[in-house]
Amino acid sequence: MVITGIKKCRGRLYRLEFDDDETQMVHIGTFEESPYKIGSVLTDLQLEELVTQSNKRRAKEKALYLLSMRDYSLAELEKKLRLVADPNTAAETAKQMQSLGYIDDERFAKQRAQYLIKHKLYPKRRVVMELCRLGVDRETAQNATESIESNDVRQALALLNKKHYNKKSCNYINKAAAALARYGFDSCTIRRAIEMWQTEEQDFDIDEL
């Protein structure tokens, strides 16, 4: 097949046009580093190799861009890369980022657990669930969560004071308790937090809980 036209598209891509009316999208950098140009004749194998190199380059650039914004778990990054690459390329690229030290599930889990506990006020079991949802294995998720000093009663009490501080009427207690349950707190934690919240006995030592 013969390349009859080259058009620049969004996202650093060229659309190659061929004499058989077929088209193919390839990364600009990959094409410009190749020996091909308008009028070049490509075999099916040569085109396949060009597309493969293009997909790897796109996946790597996407991975570096994503990781420049925030940390990702290995599984989460691979899932993101599947939007621009085939599953094998996505998995290969994610592992490459891991080998370069750009991905570390333990580091990622600790950072995300810290954020969820300190800023979102999540209970520990919800933190573990969230980390698992992001592709972290359960053991790593649990270890990361337990490494952060936290107490679920204190977390629940902080949420009550933050979102429901002026609504301590008896009629509102059930709604507050339901809100905590949806947030992921267990019934025992909810009961203790509600009791302290109602009586405003909040000067407690975390070791006593």
N, C-alpha and C. Protein backbone atom coordinates (compact mmCIF):
# COMPACT_ATOMS: atom_id res chain seq x y z
N MET A 1 0.84 -1.19 0.00
CA MET A 1 0.00 0.00 0.00
C MET A 1 0.88 1.25 0.00
N VAL A 2 0.37 2.30 -0.62
CA VAL A 2 1.14 3.53 -0.79
C VAL A 2 0.52 4.65 0.03
N ILE A 3 1.38 5.40 0.73
CA ILE A 3 0.90 6.56 1.49
C ILE A 3 0.61 7.69 0.51
N THR A 4 -0.64 8.11 0.47
CA THR A 4 -1.04 9.15 -0.48
C THR A 4 -1.30 10.50 0.21
N GLY A 5 -1.43 10.50 1.52
CA GLY A 5 -1.68 11.75 2.22
C GLY A 5 -1.40 11.64 3.69
N ILE A 6 -1.04 12.78 4.31
CA ILE A 6 -0.77 12.84 5.74
C ILE A 6 -1.47 14.07 6.29
N LYS A 7 -2.33 13.87 7.28
CA LYS A 7 -3.05 15.00 7.88
C LYS A 7 -2.84 15.00 9.39
N LYS A 8 -2.54 16.18 9.91
CA LYS A 8 -2.33 16.31 11.34
C LYS A 8 -3.67 16.35 12.06
N CYS A 9 -3.77 15.59 13.14
CA CYS A 9 -5.01 15.54 13.92
C CYS A 9 -4.72 15.96 15.36
N ARG A 10 -5.76 15.99 16.17
CA ARG A 10 -5.60 16.35 17.58
C ARG A 10 -4.82 15.28 18.32
N GLY A 11 -4.15 15.70 19.40
CA GLY A 11 -3.47 14.73 20.26
C GLY A 11 -2.17 14.22 19.68
N ARG A 12 -1.44 15.04 18.94
CA ARG A 12 -0.15 14.64 18.36
C ARG A 12 -0.27 13.39 17.51
N LEU A 13 -1.24 13.40 16.62
CA LEU A 13 -1.46 12.25 15.74
C LEU A 13 -1.47 12.69 14.28
N TYR A 14 -0.98 11.81 13.43
CA TYR A 14 -1.14 11.95 11.99
C TYR A 14 -2.17 10.92 11.52
N ARG A 15 -2.99 11.32 10.57
CA ARG A 15 -3.85 10.34 9.90
C ARG A 15 -3.22 10.04 8.55
N LEU A 16 -2.75 8.83 8.39
CA LEU A 16 -2.15 8.42 7.12
C LEU A 16 -3.23 7.93 6.18
N GLU A 17 -3.18 8.39 4.96
CA GLU A 17 -4.13 7.97 3.94
C GLU A 17 -3.40 7.12 2.91
N PHE A 18 -4.04 6.04 2.48
CA PHE A 18 -3.41 5.09 1.56
C PHE A 18 -4.19 5.02 0.25
N ASP A 19 -3.53 4.43 -0.75
CA ASP A 19 -4.13 4.37 -2.08
C ASP A 19 -5.33 3.43 -2.17
N ASP A 20 -5.53 2.62 -1.15
CA ASP A 20 -6.68 1.72 -1.13
C ASP A 20 -7.84 2.31 -0.34
N ASP A 21 -7.75 3.64 -0.07
CA ASP A 21 -8.78 4.39 0.66
C ASP A 21 -8.82 4.07 2.15
N GLU A 22 -7.86 3.28 2.64
CA GLU A 22 -7.77 3.02 4.07
C GLU A 22 -7.02 4.16 4.76
N THR A 23 -7.24 4.34 6.05
CA THR A 23 -6.53 5.34 6.84
C THR A 23 -6.02 4.70 8.12
N GLN A 24 -5.00 5.32 8.71
CA GLN A 24 -4.44 4.80 9.95
C GLN A 24 -3.89 5.96 10.77
N MET A 25 -4.22 6.00 12.07
CA MET A 25 -3.72 7.02 12.96
C MET A 25 -2.40 6.56 13.58
N VAL A 26 -1.38 7.42 13.52
CA VAL A 26 -0.10 7.10 14.16
C VAL A 26 0.43 8.34 14.86
N HIS A 27 1.25 8.12 15.87
CA HIS A 27 1.84 9.21 16.64
C HIS A 27 2.78 10.02 15.72
N ILE A 28 2.72 11.32 15.85
CA ILE A 28 3.53 12.20 15.00
C ILE A 28 5.02 11.88 15.15
N GLY A 29 5.48 11.77 16.40
CA GLY A 29 6.90 11.49 16.63
C GLY A 29 7.33 10.17 16.04
N THR A 30 6.51 9.15 16.19
CA THR A 30 6.83 7.84 15.66
C THR A 30 6.95 7.88 14.14
N PHE A 31 6.02 8.56 13.50
CA PHE A 31 6.05 8.63 12.04
C PHE A 31 7.24 9.45 11.55
N GLU A 32 7.51 10.56 12.20
CA GLU A 32 8.61 11.42 11.74
C GLU A 32 9.97 10.78 11.94
N GLU A 33 10.07 9.85 12.88
CA GLU A 33 11.32 9.12 13.09
C GLU A 33 11.43 7.90 12.18
N SER A 34 10.37 7.59 11.46
CA SER A 34 10.38 6.45 10.54
C SER A 34 10.93 6.89 9.18
N PRO A 35 11.24 5.96 8.31
CA PRO A 35 11.75 6.32 6.98
C PRO A 35 10.64 6.64 5.97
N TYR A 36 9.39 6.69 6.44
CA TYR A 36 8.27 6.80 5.52
C TYR A 36 7.87 8.26 5.26
N LYS A 37 7.27 8.46 4.11
CA LYS A 37 6.75 9.77 3.70
C LYS A 37 5.69 9.55 2.64
N ILE A 38 5.10 10.62 2.15
CA ILE A 38 4.12 10.48 1.07
C ILE A 38 4.80 9.82 -0.13
N GLY A 39 4.17 8.79 -0.63
CA GLY A 39 4.72 8.03 -1.75
C GLY A 39 5.40 6.75 -1.32
N SER A 40 5.64 6.60 -0.01
CA SER A 40 6.29 5.38 0.47
C SER A 40 5.35 4.18 0.33
N VAL A 41 5.93 3.03 0.01
CA VAL A 41 5.17 1.79 -0.10
C VAL A 41 5.41 0.97 1.16
N LEU A 42 4.33 0.58 1.84
CA LEU A 42 4.44 -0.20 3.07
C LEU A 42 3.79 -1.56 2.88
N THR A 43 4.45 -2.58 3.40
CA THR A 43 3.82 -3.89 3.46
C THR A 43 2.90 -3.92 4.68
N ASP A 44 2.07 -4.92 4.76
CA ASP A 44 1.19 -5.06 5.93
C ASP A 44 2.00 -5.17 7.22
N LEU A 45 3.13 -5.90 7.14
CA LEU A 45 3.97 -6.08 8.32
C LEU A 45 4.61 -4.76 8.74
N GLN A 46 5.07 -3.98 7.78
CA GLN A 46 5.67 -2.68 8.10
C GLN A 46 4.66 -1.73 8.74
N LEU A 47 3.44 -1.74 8.22
CA LEU A 47 2.40 -0.89 8.81
C LEU A 47 2.07 -1.36 10.22
N GLU A 48 1.99 -2.65 10.42
CA GLU A 48 1.70 -3.20 11.74
C GLU A 48 2.78 -2.79 12.74
N GLU A 49 4.04 -2.86 12.34
CA GLU A 49 5.15 -2.47 13.22
C GLU A 49 5.09 -0.98 13.53
N LEU A 50 4.74 -0.17 12.54
CA LEU A 50 4.62 1.28 12.74
C LEU A 50 3.52 1.60 13.75
N VAL A 51 2.39 0.93 13.61
CA VAL A 51 1.26 1.16 14.51
C VAL A 51 1.61 0.68 15.93
N THR A 52 2.31 -0.44 16.03
CA THR A 52 2.70 -0.96 17.34
C THR A 52 3.61 0.03 18.07
N GLN A 53 4.60 0.56 17.37
CA GLN A 53 5.50 1.54 17.97
C GLN A 53 4.75 2.82 18.34
N SER A 54 3.81 3.19 17.51
CA SER A 54 3.00 4.38 17.78
C SER A 54 2.17 4.19 19.04
N ASN A 55 1.55 3.03 19.18
CA ASN A 55 0.72 2.76 20.36
C ASN A 55 1.55 2.75 21.64
N LYS A 56 2.75 2.18 21.57
CA LYS A 56 3.63 2.15 22.75
C LYS A 56 4.03 3.57 23.16
N ARG A 57 4.30 4.38 22.16
CA ARG A 57 4.71 5.76 22.45
C ARG A 57 3.56 6.56 23.04
N ARG A 58 2.38 6.40 22.48
CA ARG A 58 1.21 7.10 23.00
C ARG A 58 0.93 6.67 24.44
N ALA A 59 1.04 5.37 24.70
CA ALA A 59 0.78 4.86 26.05
C ALA A 59 1.80 5.41 27.04
N LYS A 60 3.07 5.47 26.64
CA LYS A 60 4.10 5.96 27.54
C LYS A 60 3.88 7.45 27.84
N GLU A 61 3.58 8.22 26.80
CA GLU A 61 3.34 9.65 27.01
C GLU A 61 2.12 9.88 27.91
N LYS A 62 1.08 9.06 27.70
CA LYS A 62 -0.11 9.18 28.54
C LYS A 62 0.21 8.83 29.98
N ALA A 63 1.00 7.79 30.17
CA ALA A 63 1.36 7.36 31.53
C ALA A 63 2.15 8.45 32.24
N LEU A 64 3.12 9.03 31.56
CA LEU A 64 3.94 10.07 32.17
C LEU A 64 3.10 11.31 32.49
N TYR A 65 2.16 11.61 31.62
CA TYR A 65 1.28 12.75 31.87
C TYR A 65 0.42 12.50 33.11
N LEU A 66 -0.19 11.33 33.19
CA LEU A 66 -1.05 11.01 34.32
C LEU A 66 -0.26 11.03 35.63
N LEU A 67 0.94 10.47 35.61
CA LEU A 67 1.75 10.39 36.81
C LEU A 67 2.33 11.75 37.22
N SER A 68 2.36 12.68 36.28
CA SER A 68 2.80 14.03 36.63
C SER A 68 1.72 14.78 37.40
N MET A 69 0.48 14.30 37.29
CA MET A 69 -0.64 14.94 37.97
C MET A 69 -0.84 14.41 39.38
N ARG A 70 -0.69 13.09 39.54
CA ARG A 70 -0.83 12.45 40.86
C ARG A 70 -0.32 11.03 40.79
N ASP A 71 -0.20 10.39 41.95
CA ASP A 71 0.21 8.98 41.99
C ASP A 71 -0.94 8.07 41.57
N TYR A 72 -0.58 6.93 41.01
CA TYR A 72 -1.55 5.91 40.63
C TYR A 72 -1.04 4.56 41.13
N SER A 73 -1.98 3.67 41.39
CA SER A 73 -1.60 2.28 41.63
C SER A 73 -1.32 1.64 40.27
N LEU A 74 -0.65 0.51 40.28
CA LEU A 74 -0.33 -0.18 39.04
C LEU A 74 -1.60 -0.53 38.26
N ALA A 75 -2.57 -1.11 38.96
CA ALA A 75 -3.81 -1.53 38.30
C ALA A 75 -4.62 -0.34 37.79
N GLU A 76 -4.63 0.75 38.57
CA GLU A 76 -5.40 1.93 38.18
C GLU A 76 -4.80 2.57 36.94
N LEU A 77 -3.46 2.66 36.88
CA LEU A 77 -2.81 3.24 35.70
C LEU A 77 -3.04 2.38 34.47
N GLU A 78 -2.94 1.08 34.64
CA GLU A 78 -3.18 0.18 33.50
C GLU A 78 -4.59 0.37 32.95
N LYS A 79 -5.56 0.51 33.84
CA LYS A 79 -6.94 0.73 33.40
C LYS A 79 -7.07 2.03 32.61
N LYS A 80 -6.40 3.08 33.06
CA LYS A 80 -6.43 4.37 32.36
C LYS A 80 -5.79 4.25 30.98
N LEU A 81 -4.70 3.51 30.90
CA LEU A 81 -3.97 3.39 29.63
C LEU A 81 -4.75 2.60 28.59
N ARG A 82 -5.66 1.76 29.04
CA ARG A 82 -6.47 1.00 28.09
C ARG A 82 -7.39 1.90 27.26
N LEU A 83 -7.52 3.16 27.66
CA LEU A 83 -8.32 4.10 26.89
C LEU A 83 -7.60 4.55 25.63
N VAL A 84 -6.27 4.39 25.62
CA VAL A 84 -5.49 4.83 24.46
C VAL A 84 -4.66 3.70 23.85
N ALA A 85 -4.68 2.53 24.47
CA ALA A 85 -3.85 1.43 23.98
C ALA A 85 -4.56 0.10 24.20
N ASP A 86 -4.08 -0.92 23.49
CA ASP A 86 -4.62 -2.26 23.68
C ASP A 86 -4.20 -2.78 25.04
N PRO A 87 -4.88 -3.81 25.56
CA PRO A 87 -4.59 -4.31 26.92
C PRO A 87 -3.14 -4.71 27.14
N ASN A 88 -2.50 -5.36 26.16
CA ASN A 88 -1.12 -5.78 26.33
C ASN A 88 -0.17 -4.59 26.45
N THR A 89 -0.38 -3.60 25.59
CA THR A 89 0.46 -2.40 25.63
C THR A 89 0.24 -1.64 26.93
N ALA A 90 -1.01 -1.56 27.37
CA ALA A 90 -1.33 -0.86 28.62
C ALA A 90 -0.63 -1.53 29.80
N ALA A 91 -0.70 -2.85 29.86
CA ALA A 91 -0.07 -3.59 30.96
C ALA A 91 1.45 -3.44 30.91
N GLU A 92 2.01 -3.55 29.71
CA GLU A 92 3.47 -3.44 29.54
C GLU A 92 3.96 -2.04 29.96
N THR A 93 3.22 -1.02 29.57
CA THR A 93 3.62 0.36 29.89
C THR A 93 3.51 0.62 31.39
N ALA A 94 2.44 0.14 32.02
CA ALA A 94 2.28 0.33 33.46
C ALA A 94 3.42 -0.33 34.23
N LYS A 95 3.80 -1.52 33.82
CA LYS A 95 4.90 -2.22 34.48
C LYS A 95 6.23 -1.51 34.23
N GLN A 96 6.36 -0.89 33.06
CA GLN A 96 7.56 -0.12 32.78
C GLN A 96 7.66 1.08 33.73
N MET A 97 6.53 1.73 33.97
CA MET A 97 6.52 2.86 34.91
C MET A 97 6.87 2.38 36.32
N GLN A 98 6.43 1.19 36.65
CA GLN A 98 6.73 0.62 37.96
C GLN A 98 8.23 0.33 38.08
N SER A 99 8.81 -0.24 37.03
CA SER A 99 10.25 -0.57 37.05
C SER A 99 11.11 0.68 37.13
N LEU A 100 10.60 1.80 36.63
CA LEU A 100 11.33 3.07 36.68
C LEU A 100 11.16 3.78 38.02
N GLY A 101 10.30 3.22 38.88
CA GLY A 101 10.09 3.81 40.19
C GLY A 101 9.00 4.87 40.24
N TYR A 102 8.29 5.03 39.12
CA TYR A 102 7.22 6.03 39.09
C TYR A 102 5.94 5.53 39.76
N ILE A 103 5.84 4.21 39.90
CA ILE A 103 4.68 3.59 40.56
C ILE A 103 5.17 2.74 41.70
N ASP A 104 4.56 2.92 42.86
CA ASP A 104 4.86 2.11 44.04
C ASP A 104 3.54 1.98 44.80
N ASP A 105 2.94 0.81 44.76
CA ASP A 105 1.62 0.63 45.36
C ASP A 105 1.63 0.91 46.87
N GLU A 106 2.71 0.57 47.55
CA GLU A 106 2.77 0.83 48.99
C GLU A 106 2.79 2.33 49.26
N ARG A 107 3.61 3.04 48.51
CA ARG A 107 3.68 4.49 48.67
C ARG A 107 2.34 5.14 48.32
N PHE A 108 1.76 4.68 47.22
CA PHE A 108 0.47 5.20 46.79
C PHE A 108 -0.60 4.96 47.85
N ALA A 109 -0.63 3.74 48.40
CA ALA A 109 -1.65 3.39 49.39
C ALA A 109 -1.52 4.25 50.64
N LYS A 110 -0.30 4.48 51.11
CA LYS A 110 -0.11 5.29 52.31
C LYS A 110 -0.53 6.74 52.08
N GLN A 111 -0.17 7.28 50.92
CA GLN A 111 -0.53 8.66 50.62
C GLN A 111 -2.03 8.83 50.50
N ARG A 112 -2.68 7.88 49.81
CA ARG A 112 -4.13 7.99 49.63
C ARG A 112 -4.86 7.75 50.95
N ALA A 113 -4.37 6.79 51.74
CA ALA A 113 -4.99 6.53 53.04
C ALA A 113 -4.88 7.76 53.93
N GLN A 114 -3.73 8.41 53.92
CA GLN A 114 -3.53 9.63 54.71
C GLN A 114 -4.55 10.69 54.31
N TYR A 115 -4.74 10.86 53.01
CA TYR A 115 -5.69 11.86 52.51
C TYR A 115 -7.12 11.52 52.91
N LEU A 116 -7.51 10.27 52.74
CA LEU A 116 -8.89 9.86 53.03
C LEU A 116 -9.20 9.96 54.52
N ILE A 117 -8.21 9.68 55.36
CA ILE A 117 -8.44 9.73 56.80
C ILE A 117 -8.41 11.17 57.33
N LYS A 118 -7.41 11.92 56.92
CA LYS A 118 -7.22 13.25 57.47
C LYS A 118 -8.15 14.30 56.85
N HIS A 119 -8.45 14.18 55.58
CA HIS A 119 -9.25 15.20 54.91
C HIS A 119 -10.69 14.78 54.65
N LYS A 120 -10.89 13.52 54.30
CA LYS A 120 -12.25 13.03 54.05
C LYS A 120 -12.92 12.48 55.30
N LEU A 121 -12.11 12.23 56.34
CA LEU A 121 -12.61 11.69 57.61
C LEU A 121 -13.27 10.31 57.43
N TYR A 122 -12.75 9.51 56.53
CA TYR A 122 -13.28 8.17 56.32
C TYR A 122 -12.93 7.26 57.49
N PRO A 123 -13.79 6.32 57.82
CA PRO A 123 -13.43 5.27 58.78
C PRO A 123 -12.45 4.31 58.10
N LYS A 124 -11.75 3.55 58.90
CA LYS A 124 -10.68 2.71 58.36
C LYS A 124 -11.19 1.68 57.35
N ARG A 125 -12.33 1.07 57.65
CA ARG A 125 -12.80 0.02 56.73
C ARG A 125 -13.15 0.60 55.37
N ARG A 126 -13.64 1.84 55.34
CA ARG A 126 -13.94 2.46 54.04
C ARG A 126 -12.66 2.83 53.31
N VAL A 127 -11.63 3.22 54.05
CA VAL A 127 -10.34 3.52 53.44
C VAL A 127 -9.80 2.28 52.73
N VAL A 128 -9.87 1.14 53.41
CA VAL A 128 -9.40 -0.11 52.82
C VAL A 128 -10.19 -0.43 51.55
N MET A 129 -11.50 -0.28 51.61
CA MET A 129 -12.35 -0.55 50.45
C MET A 129 -11.99 0.37 49.28
N GLU A 130 -11.75 1.64 49.58
CA GLU A 130 -11.42 2.60 48.54
C GLU A 130 -10.08 2.27 47.89
N LEU A 131 -9.11 1.89 48.68
CA LEU A 131 -7.80 1.52 48.14
C LEU A 131 -7.91 0.27 47.26
N CYS A 132 -8.70 -0.69 47.69
CA CYS A 132 -8.90 -1.90 46.88
C CYS A 132 -9.59 -1.55 45.57
N ARG A 133 -10.52 -0.62 45.62
CA ARG A 133 -11.21 -0.19 44.39
C ARG A 133 -10.24 0.44 43.41
N LEU A 134 -9.19 1.05 43.94
CA LEU A 134 -8.18 1.70 43.10
C LEU A 134 -7.09 0.74 42.66
N GLY A 135 -7.28 -0.54 42.93
CA GLY A 135 -6.36 -1.54 42.42
C GLY A 135 -5.28 -2.00 43.38
N VAL A 136 -5.31 -1.53 44.62
CA VAL A 136 -4.33 -1.96 45.61
C VAL A 136 -4.80 -3.28 46.22
N ASP A 137 -3.89 -4.24 46.40
CA ASP A 137 -4.30 -5.51 47.00
C ASP A 137 -4.68 -5.29 48.46
N ARG A 138 -5.53 -6.16 48.99
CA ARG A 138 -6.11 -5.94 50.31
C ARG A 138 -5.06 -5.87 51.42
N GLU A 139 -4.05 -6.71 51.37
CA GLU A 139 -3.03 -6.69 52.43
C GLU A 139 -2.30 -5.35 52.45
N THR A 140 -1.92 -4.86 51.27
CA THR A 140 -1.24 -3.56 51.19
C THR A 140 -2.16 -2.45 51.67
N ALA A 141 -3.43 -2.53 51.29
CA ALA A 141 -4.41 -1.52 51.70
C ALA A 141 -4.58 -1.51 53.21
N GLN A 142 -4.66 -2.67 53.81
CA GLN A 142 -4.83 -2.76 55.26
C GLN A 142 -3.59 -2.25 56.00
N ASN A 143 -2.41 -2.63 55.52
CA ASN A 143 -1.17 -2.18 56.16
C ASN A 143 -1.02 -0.66 56.08
N ALA A 144 -1.36 -0.11 54.93
CA ALA A 144 -1.26 1.35 54.75
C ALA A 144 -2.23 2.07 55.69
N THR A 145 -3.43 1.55 55.81
CA THR A 145 -4.45 2.17 56.65
C THR A 145 -4.06 2.10 58.11
N GLU A 146 -3.56 0.95 58.54
CA GLU A 146 -3.19 0.78 59.94
C GLU A 146 -1.94 1.58 60.32
N SER A 147 -1.16 1.97 59.32
CA SER A 147 0.06 2.74 59.60
C SER A 147 -0.23 4.18 59.98
N ILE A 148 -1.47 4.62 59.79
CA ILE A 148 -1.85 6.00 60.06
C ILE A 148 -2.66 6.05 61.36
N GLU A 149 -2.24 6.91 62.26
CA GLU A 149 -2.93 7.03 63.54
C GLU A 149 -4.32 7.61 63.30
N SER A 150 -5.31 6.85 63.69
CA SER A 150 -6.69 7.27 63.45
C SER A 150 -7.61 6.52 64.40
N ASN A 151 -8.77 7.11 64.67
CA ASN A 151 -9.76 6.48 65.53
C ASN A 151 -11.13 6.75 64.93
N ASP A 152 -11.89 5.70 64.66
CA ASP A 152 -13.16 5.85 63.96
C ASP A 152 -14.18 6.69 64.74
N VAL A 153 -14.19 6.56 66.07
CA VAL A 153 -15.12 7.37 66.86
C VAL A 153 -14.78 8.84 66.71
N ARG A 154 -13.51 9.15 66.76
CA ARG A 154 -13.08 10.54 66.59
C ARG A 154 -13.44 11.04 65.19
N GLN A 155 -13.29 10.18 64.20
CA GLN A 155 -13.64 10.55 62.83
C GLN A 155 -15.14 10.86 62.71
N ALA A 156 -15.94 9.98 63.29
CA ALA A 156 -17.39 10.16 63.22
C ALA A 156 -17.81 11.43 63.96
N LEU A 157 -17.21 11.66 65.10
CA LEU A 157 -17.52 12.85 65.89
C LEU A 157 -17.14 14.12 65.13
N ALA A 158 -16.01 14.08 64.45
CA ALA A 158 -15.58 15.24 63.66
C ALA A 158 -16.57 15.52 62.53
N LEU A 159 -17.08 14.47 61.92
CA LEU A 159 -18.08 14.65 60.86
C LEU A 159 -19.38 15.24 61.41
N LEU A 160 -19.80 14.75 62.57
CA LEU A 160 -21.02 15.28 63.18
C LEU A 160 -20.87 16.77 63.49
N ASN A 161 -19.74 17.14 64.03
CA ASN A 161 -19.52 18.55 64.36
C ASN A 161 -19.36 19.42 63.12
N LYS A 162 -18.86 18.81 62.06
CA LYS A 162 -18.65 19.56 60.83
C LYS A 162 -19.93 19.76 60.04
N LYS A 163 -20.75 18.73 59.96
CA LYS A 163 -21.92 18.78 59.07
C LYS A 163 -23.26 18.90 59.80
N HIS A 164 -23.28 18.54 61.07
CA HIS A 164 -24.57 18.52 61.78
C HIS A 164 -24.51 19.23 63.13
N TYR A 165 -23.54 20.11 63.31
CA TYR A 165 -23.29 20.70 64.63
C TYR A 165 -24.50 21.43 65.21
N ASN A 166 -25.35 22.00 64.38
CA ASN A 166 -26.47 22.81 64.88
C ASN A 166 -27.81 22.07 64.78
N LYS A 167 -27.75 20.74 64.66
CA LYS A 167 -28.99 19.98 64.47
C LYS A 167 -29.05 18.81 65.45
N LYS A 168 -29.00 19.13 66.73
CA LYS A 168 -28.93 18.07 67.74
C LYS A 168 -30.29 17.70 68.31
N SER A 169 -31.35 18.07 67.66
CA SER A 169 -32.67 17.70 68.16
C SER A 169 -32.86 16.20 68.06
N CYS A 170 -33.74 15.69 68.90
CA CYS A 170 -34.00 14.24 68.92
C CYS A 170 -34.48 13.74 67.56
N ASN A 171 -35.27 14.55 66.89
CA ASN A 171 -35.81 14.14 65.59
C ASN A 171 -34.72 14.03 64.52
N TYR A 172 -33.60 14.66 64.76
CA TYR A 172 -32.55 14.67 63.75
C TYR A 172 -31.51 13.58 63.99
N ILE A 173 -31.49 13.00 65.18
CA ILE A 173 -30.45 12.02 65.53
C ILE A 173 -30.44 10.84 64.56
N ASN A 174 -31.61 10.32 64.24
CA ASN A 174 -31.66 9.17 63.33
C ASN A 174 -31.10 9.51 61.96
N LYS A 175 -31.35 10.74 61.50
CA LYS A 175 -30.82 11.15 60.19
C LYS A 175 -29.29 11.26 60.25
N ALA A 176 -28.79 11.78 61.35
CA ALA A 176 -27.34 11.89 61.51
C ALA A 176 -26.69 10.51 61.56
N ALA A 177 -27.35 9.60 62.27
CA ALA A 177 -26.83 8.23 62.37
C ALA A 177 -26.84 7.55 61.00
N ALA A 178 -27.90 7.77 60.25
CA ALA A 178 -28.00 7.18 58.91
C ALA A 178 -26.92 7.73 58.00
N ALA A 179 -26.63 9.03 58.14
CA ALA A 179 -25.59 9.66 57.33
C ALA A 179 -24.23 9.04 57.63
N LEU A 180 -23.95 8.77 58.90
CA LEU A 180 -22.69 8.15 59.28
C LEU A 180 -22.61 6.71 58.74
N ALA A 181 -23.72 6.01 58.76
CA ALA A 181 -23.75 4.64 58.23
C ALA A 181 -23.43 4.64 56.73
N ARG A 182 -24.00 5.60 56.01
CA ARG A 182 -23.71 5.70 54.57
C ARG A 182 -22.24 6.04 54.33
N TYR A 183 -21.65 6.72 55.28
CA TYR A 183 -20.26 7.11 55.16
C TYR A 183 -19.31 5.94 55.42
N GLY A 184 -19.87 4.87 56.00
CA GLY A 184 -19.07 3.66 56.19
C GLY A 184 -18.75 3.30 57.63
N PHE A 185 -19.32 4.01 58.60
CA PHE A 185 -19.06 3.69 60.00
C PHE A 185 -19.94 2.53 60.46
N ASP A 186 -19.41 1.72 61.37
CA ASP A 186 -20.19 0.61 61.89
C ASP A 186 -21.12 1.11 62.99
N SER A 187 -22.08 0.29 63.37
CA SER A 187 -23.13 0.72 64.31
C SER A 187 -22.59 1.07 65.69
N CYS A 188 -21.59 0.33 66.17
CA CYS A 188 -21.03 0.60 67.48
C CYS A 188 -20.34 1.97 67.51
N THR A 189 -19.59 2.25 66.47
CA THR A 189 -18.91 3.55 66.37
C THR A 189 -19.93 4.68 66.30
N ILE A 190 -20.97 4.48 65.51
CA ILE A 190 -22.01 5.50 65.36
C ILE A 190 -22.67 5.79 66.70
N ARG A 191 -23.00 4.74 67.45
CA ARG A 191 -23.67 4.91 68.74
C ARG A 191 -22.80 5.70 69.72
N ARG A 192 -21.52 5.38 69.80
CA ARG A 192 -20.64 6.06 70.73
C ARG A 192 -20.42 7.52 70.32
N ALA A 193 -20.27 7.74 69.01
CA ALA A 193 -20.06 9.11 68.54
C ALA A 193 -21.30 9.97 68.78
N ILE A 194 -22.49 9.40 68.54
CA ILE A 194 -23.74 10.14 68.74
C ILE A 194 -23.90 10.51 70.22
N GLU A 195 -23.57 9.57 71.11
CA GLU A 195 -23.69 9.82 72.54
C GLU A 195 -22.77 10.97 72.97
N MET A 196 -21.55 10.95 72.51
CA MET A 196 -20.61 12.02 72.85
C MET A 196 -21.03 13.35 72.24
N TRP A 197 -21.53 13.26 71.04
CA TRP A 197 -21.96 14.47 70.33
C TRP A 197 -23.13 15.14 71.05
N GLN A 198 -24.08 14.33 71.48
CA GLN A 198 -25.26 14.87 72.17
C GLN A 198 -24.89 15.52 73.50
N THR A 199 -23.99 14.88 74.22
CA THR A 199 -23.63 15.38 75.55
C THR A 199 -22.44 16.33 75.51
N GLU A 200 -21.83 16.44 74.33
CA GLU A 200 -20.67 17.31 74.12
C GLU A 200 -19.50 16.92 75.01
N GLU A 201 -19.44 15.62 75.33
CA GLU A 201 -18.31 15.11 76.11
C GLU A 201 -17.23 14.67 75.14
N GLN A 202 -16.55 15.66 74.61
CA GLN A 202 -15.61 15.37 73.53
C GLN A 202 -14.16 15.49 73.95
N ASP A 203 -13.91 15.78 75.22
CA ASP A 203 -12.53 15.88 75.69
C ASP A 203 -12.07 14.50 76.17
N PHE A 204 -11.84 13.62 75.22
CA PHE A 204 -11.45 12.26 75.57
C PHE A 204 -10.05 11.96 75.02
N ASP A 205 -9.41 10.99 75.64
CA ASP A 205 -8.11 10.54 75.17
C ASP A 205 -8.34 9.44 74.17
N ILE A 206 -7.63 9.51 73.05
CA ILE A 206 -7.84 8.50 72.00
C ILE A 206 -7.53 7.11 72.50
N ASP A 207 -6.63 6.96 73.49
CA ASP A 207 -6.28 5.64 73.98
C ASP A 207 -7.41 5.02 74.80
N GLU A 208 -8.35 5.84 75.22
CA GLU A 208 -9.46 5.33 76.03
C GLU A 208 -10.60 4.80 75.18
N LEU A 209 -10.54 5.02 73.88
CA LEU A 209 -11.65 4.59 73.01
C LEU A 209 -11.42 3.18 72.52
